[in-house]
N, C-alpha and C. Protein backbone atom coordinates (compact mmCIF):
# COMPACT_ATOMS: atom_id res chain seq x y z
N GLY A 1 0.82 -1.19 0.00
CA GLY A 1 0.00 0.00 0.00
C GLY A 1 0.86 1.25 0.00
N VAL A 2 0.41 2.25 -0.70
CA VAL A 2 1.15 3.52 -0.79
C VAL A 2 0.17 4.68 -0.65
N LEU A 3 0.72 5.85 -0.44
CA LEU A 3 -0.09 7.05 -0.41
C LEU A 3 -0.32 7.53 -1.84
N ALA A 4 -1.43 8.20 -2.06
CA ALA A 4 -1.83 8.59 -3.41
C ALA A 4 -0.87 9.57 -4.07
N ASP A 5 -0.10 10.31 -3.27
CA ASP A 5 0.79 11.30 -3.87
C ASP A 5 2.19 10.74 -4.17
N LYS A 6 2.34 9.44 -4.07
CA LYS A 6 3.63 8.80 -4.36
C LYS A 6 3.62 8.18 -5.76
N ASP A 7 4.79 7.84 -6.25
CA ASP A 7 4.95 7.28 -7.59
C ASP A 7 4.68 5.78 -7.58
N ALA A 8 3.40 5.41 -7.50
CA ALA A 8 3.02 4.00 -7.41
C ALA A 8 3.51 3.21 -8.63
N ALA A 9 3.43 3.80 -9.81
CA ALA A 9 3.89 3.10 -11.02
C ALA A 9 5.39 2.84 -10.95
N GLY A 10 6.15 3.80 -10.50
CA GLY A 10 7.60 3.63 -10.38
C GLY A 10 7.97 2.61 -9.32
N ILE A 11 7.24 2.62 -8.22
CA ILE A 11 7.49 1.65 -7.15
C ILE A 11 7.19 0.25 -7.66
N ALA A 12 6.06 0.09 -8.35
CA ALA A 12 5.69 -1.21 -8.91
C ALA A 12 6.75 -1.70 -9.89
N ALA A 13 7.25 -0.80 -10.71
CA ALA A 13 8.25 -1.18 -11.72
C ALA A 13 9.53 -1.71 -11.08
N LYS A 14 9.87 -1.22 -9.91
CA LYS A 14 11.08 -1.69 -9.22
C LYS A 14 10.85 -2.99 -8.46
N LEU A 15 9.68 -3.13 -7.85
CA LEU A 15 9.44 -4.27 -6.96
C LEU A 15 8.84 -5.50 -7.63
N LEU A 16 7.94 -5.31 -8.58
CA LEU A 16 7.22 -6.46 -9.12
C LEU A 16 8.08 -7.47 -9.86
N PRO A 17 9.16 -7.06 -10.52
CA PRO A 17 10.00 -8.09 -11.13
C PRO A 17 10.59 -9.07 -10.11
N LEU A 18 10.62 -8.69 -8.85
CA LEU A 18 11.19 -9.53 -7.80
C LEU A 18 10.16 -10.45 -7.15
N ALA A 19 8.88 -10.24 -7.44
CA ALA A 19 7.81 -10.96 -6.75
C ALA A 19 7.24 -12.09 -7.58
N ASP A 20 6.73 -13.09 -6.88
CA ASP A 20 5.98 -14.16 -7.54
C ASP A 20 4.49 -13.86 -7.50
N THR A 21 4.04 -13.35 -6.37
CA THR A 21 2.64 -13.00 -6.15
C THR A 21 2.62 -11.69 -5.37
N VAL A 22 1.58 -10.89 -5.60
CA VAL A 22 1.49 -9.58 -4.95
C VAL A 22 0.14 -9.46 -4.25
N TRP A 23 0.18 -8.98 -3.02
CA TRP A 23 -1.02 -8.63 -2.28
C TRP A 23 -1.00 -7.13 -2.12
N VAL A 24 -2.04 -6.47 -2.57
CA VAL A 24 -2.11 -5.02 -2.43
C VAL A 24 -3.22 -4.67 -1.44
N THR A 25 -3.00 -3.58 -0.75
CA THR A 25 -3.96 -3.09 0.23
C THR A 25 -3.78 -1.59 0.34
N GLN A 26 -4.37 -1.01 1.33
CA GLN A 26 -4.16 0.42 1.55
C GLN A 26 -4.07 0.68 3.04
N PRO A 27 -3.16 1.56 3.43
CA PRO A 27 -3.05 1.90 4.85
C PRO A 27 -4.25 2.74 5.28
N GLN A 28 -4.47 2.79 6.58
CA GLN A 28 -5.57 3.59 7.13
C GLN A 28 -5.15 5.06 7.15
N SER A 29 -5.31 5.70 6.04
CA SER A 29 -4.99 7.11 5.89
C SER A 29 -5.88 7.67 4.79
N GLU A 30 -6.37 8.86 5.00
CA GLU A 30 -7.18 9.48 3.94
C GLU A 30 -6.34 9.80 2.72
N ARG A 31 -5.01 9.76 2.86
CA ARG A 31 -4.10 10.00 1.75
C ARG A 31 -3.77 8.71 0.98
N ALA A 32 -4.28 7.57 1.41
CA ALA A 32 -3.95 6.29 0.81
C ALA A 32 -4.46 6.17 -0.63
N LEU A 33 -3.65 5.55 -1.48
CA LEU A 33 -4.10 5.17 -2.81
C LEU A 33 -5.02 3.97 -2.65
N PRO A 34 -6.21 3.99 -3.22
CA PRO A 34 -7.10 2.82 -3.10
C PRO A 34 -6.40 1.55 -3.61
N ALA A 35 -6.64 0.47 -2.89
CA ALA A 35 -5.96 -0.80 -3.21
C ALA A 35 -6.20 -1.24 -4.65
N GLN A 36 -7.42 -1.08 -5.14
CA GLN A 36 -7.71 -1.50 -6.52
C GLN A 36 -6.90 -0.68 -7.52
N ARG A 37 -6.72 0.59 -7.25
CA ARG A 37 -5.91 1.44 -8.14
C ARG A 37 -4.46 0.98 -8.13
N LEU A 38 -3.94 0.61 -6.96
CA LEU A 38 -2.58 0.07 -6.88
C LEU A 38 -2.48 -1.24 -7.65
N ALA A 39 -3.50 -2.05 -7.56
CA ALA A 39 -3.51 -3.32 -8.31
C ALA A 39 -3.44 -3.07 -9.81
N ASP A 40 -4.05 -1.98 -10.27
CA ASP A 40 -4.00 -1.65 -11.69
C ASP A 40 -2.57 -1.43 -12.18
N PHE A 41 -1.71 -0.90 -11.32
CA PHE A 41 -0.31 -0.69 -11.69
C PHE A 41 0.44 -2.02 -11.80
N CYS A 42 -0.11 -3.09 -11.23
CA CYS A 42 0.54 -4.40 -11.25
C CYS A 42 0.24 -5.19 -12.52
N VAL A 43 -0.84 -4.86 -13.19
CA VAL A 43 -1.30 -5.62 -14.36
C VAL A 43 -0.21 -5.81 -15.43
N PRO A 44 0.53 -4.77 -15.82
CA PRO A 44 1.51 -4.95 -16.89
C PRO A 44 2.61 -5.97 -16.57
N PHE A 45 2.77 -6.33 -15.31
CA PHE A 45 3.84 -7.24 -14.93
C PHE A 45 3.40 -8.70 -14.93
N GLY A 46 2.11 -8.94 -15.10
CA GLY A 46 1.61 -10.30 -15.23
C GLY A 46 1.75 -11.16 -13.99
N LYS A 47 1.87 -10.53 -12.84
CA LYS A 47 2.00 -11.29 -11.59
C LYS A 47 0.62 -11.48 -10.98
N PRO A 48 0.36 -12.66 -10.39
CA PRO A 48 -0.92 -12.81 -9.68
C PRO A 48 -1.02 -11.73 -8.60
N THR A 49 -2.12 -10.99 -8.61
CA THR A 49 -2.28 -9.88 -7.68
C THR A 49 -3.60 -10.03 -6.95
N ARG A 50 -3.53 -9.97 -5.64
CA ARG A 50 -4.70 -10.09 -4.78
C ARG A 50 -4.96 -8.73 -4.12
N VAL A 51 -6.19 -8.30 -4.13
CA VAL A 51 -6.57 -7.04 -3.49
C VAL A 51 -7.20 -7.37 -2.14
N CYS A 52 -6.67 -6.76 -1.10
CA CYS A 52 -7.20 -6.97 0.26
C CYS A 52 -7.62 -5.63 0.84
N PRO A 53 -8.77 -5.58 1.50
CA PRO A 53 -9.29 -4.31 1.98
C PRO A 53 -8.54 -3.72 3.18
N SER A 54 -7.76 -4.53 3.87
CA SER A 54 -7.02 -4.00 5.02
C SER A 54 -5.62 -4.60 5.06
N VAL A 55 -4.75 -3.92 5.76
CA VAL A 55 -3.38 -4.39 5.92
C VAL A 55 -3.37 -5.74 6.63
N LYS A 56 -4.18 -5.87 7.66
CA LYS A 56 -4.24 -7.14 8.40
C LYS A 56 -4.67 -8.28 7.49
N GLU A 57 -5.70 -8.05 6.67
CA GLU A 57 -6.17 -9.11 5.77
C GLU A 57 -5.11 -9.47 4.73
N ALA A 58 -4.39 -8.48 4.24
CA ALA A 58 -3.33 -8.75 3.26
C ALA A 58 -2.22 -9.59 3.88
N LEU A 59 -1.82 -9.23 5.08
CA LEU A 59 -0.75 -9.98 5.74
C LEU A 59 -1.18 -11.40 6.05
N LEU A 60 -2.40 -11.57 6.53
CA LEU A 60 -2.90 -12.92 6.81
C LEU A 60 -3.01 -13.76 5.54
N ALA A 61 -3.49 -13.15 4.46
CA ALA A 61 -3.62 -13.88 3.19
C ALA A 61 -2.26 -14.31 2.67
N ALA A 62 -1.28 -13.43 2.75
CA ALA A 62 0.07 -13.77 2.29
C ALA A 62 0.66 -14.87 3.16
N ALA A 63 0.44 -14.79 4.47
CA ALA A 63 0.97 -15.81 5.38
C ALA A 63 0.33 -17.17 5.11
N GLN A 64 -0.96 -17.19 4.82
CA GLN A 64 -1.65 -18.45 4.54
C GLN A 64 -1.18 -19.07 3.23
N ALA A 65 -0.81 -18.24 2.28
CA ALA A 65 -0.38 -18.74 0.97
C ALA A 65 1.09 -19.16 0.97
N ALA A 66 1.86 -18.66 1.92
CA ALA A 66 3.30 -18.94 1.94
C ALA A 66 3.54 -20.41 2.23
N GLN A 67 4.59 -20.93 1.59
CA GLN A 67 4.97 -22.32 1.77
C GLN A 67 6.47 -22.41 2.00
N GLY A 68 6.88 -23.42 2.75
CA GLY A 68 8.31 -23.70 2.92
C GLY A 68 9.13 -22.49 3.28
N ASP A 69 10.08 -22.18 2.40
CA ASP A 69 10.98 -21.06 2.68
C ASP A 69 10.59 -19.79 1.93
N ASP A 70 9.30 -19.62 1.61
CA ASP A 70 8.83 -18.40 0.96
C ASP A 70 9.13 -17.19 1.85
N LEU A 71 9.37 -16.09 1.23
CA LEU A 71 9.63 -14.83 1.92
C LEU A 71 8.44 -13.89 1.68
N ILE A 72 7.93 -13.32 2.75
CA ILE A 72 6.90 -12.30 2.63
C ILE A 72 7.58 -10.96 2.88
N CYS A 73 7.55 -10.11 1.88
CA CYS A 73 8.16 -8.79 1.98
C CYS A 73 7.05 -7.76 2.11
N VAL A 74 7.04 -7.06 3.23
CA VAL A 74 6.05 -6.00 3.45
C VAL A 74 6.72 -4.68 3.08
N THR A 75 6.12 -3.98 2.13
CA THR A 75 6.70 -2.73 1.70
C THR A 75 5.60 -1.75 1.34
N GLY A 76 5.94 -0.52 1.31
CA GLY A 76 4.97 0.52 0.99
C GLY A 76 5.22 1.72 1.85
N SER A 77 4.16 2.41 2.19
CA SER A 77 4.29 3.62 2.98
C SER A 77 4.66 3.29 4.43
N LEU A 78 5.18 4.29 5.11
CA LEU A 78 5.46 4.11 6.54
C LEU A 78 4.17 3.90 7.32
N TYR A 79 3.07 4.44 6.82
CA TYR A 79 1.78 4.21 7.45
C TYR A 79 1.46 2.71 7.44
N LEU A 80 1.68 2.07 6.31
CA LEU A 80 1.41 0.65 6.17
C LEU A 80 2.33 -0.15 7.08
N VAL A 81 3.61 0.15 7.06
CA VAL A 81 4.56 -0.58 7.90
C VAL A 81 4.22 -0.38 9.38
N GLY A 82 3.77 0.81 9.76
CA GLY A 82 3.35 1.06 11.13
C GLY A 82 2.19 0.17 11.53
N GLU A 83 1.26 -0.03 10.62
CA GLU A 83 0.13 -0.92 10.91
C GLU A 83 0.60 -2.36 11.11
N VAL A 84 1.56 -2.79 10.30
CA VAL A 84 2.09 -4.15 10.45
C VAL A 84 2.80 -4.29 11.78
N LEU A 85 3.61 -3.31 12.15
CA LEU A 85 4.30 -3.36 13.44
C LEU A 85 3.28 -3.44 14.58
N ALA A 86 2.19 -2.68 14.47
CA ALA A 86 1.16 -2.71 15.51
C ALA A 86 0.51 -4.10 15.60
N LEU A 87 0.33 -4.77 14.46
CA LEU A 87 -0.24 -6.13 14.47
C LEU A 87 0.64 -7.09 15.25
N PHE A 88 1.93 -6.89 15.16
CA PHE A 88 2.88 -7.75 15.86
C PHE A 88 3.24 -7.18 17.23
N ALA A 89 2.64 -6.04 17.57
CA ALA A 89 2.92 -5.35 18.83
C ALA A 89 4.40 -5.08 19.01
N LEU A 90 5.06 -4.71 17.90
CA LEU A 90 6.47 -4.36 17.93
C LEU A 90 6.61 -2.84 18.03
N PRO A 91 7.58 -2.36 18.76
CA PRO A 91 7.77 -0.92 18.78
C PRO A 91 8.27 -0.44 17.42
N PRO A 92 7.81 0.76 16.98
CA PRO A 92 8.25 1.26 15.68
C PRO A 92 9.73 1.60 15.64
């Protein structure tokens, strides 16, 4: 998830070649880019993309799909990362 005023297309271009599957969501911020709009930036890369309405749902879906030594990389805005840290009750 990213904020609407960020270069979502540029971010996708750098990260998606490294991914097998992508889960998109949006942080709890009125500045957030809607998850479906972020998913639209993923289409040209041909990667399976899942849209999740919340950060928690995206993280749970990715964790459920992960197998063996799969790596789940959480990236995006600091708002999104803050939400993930809160889910794990880790200090920022």
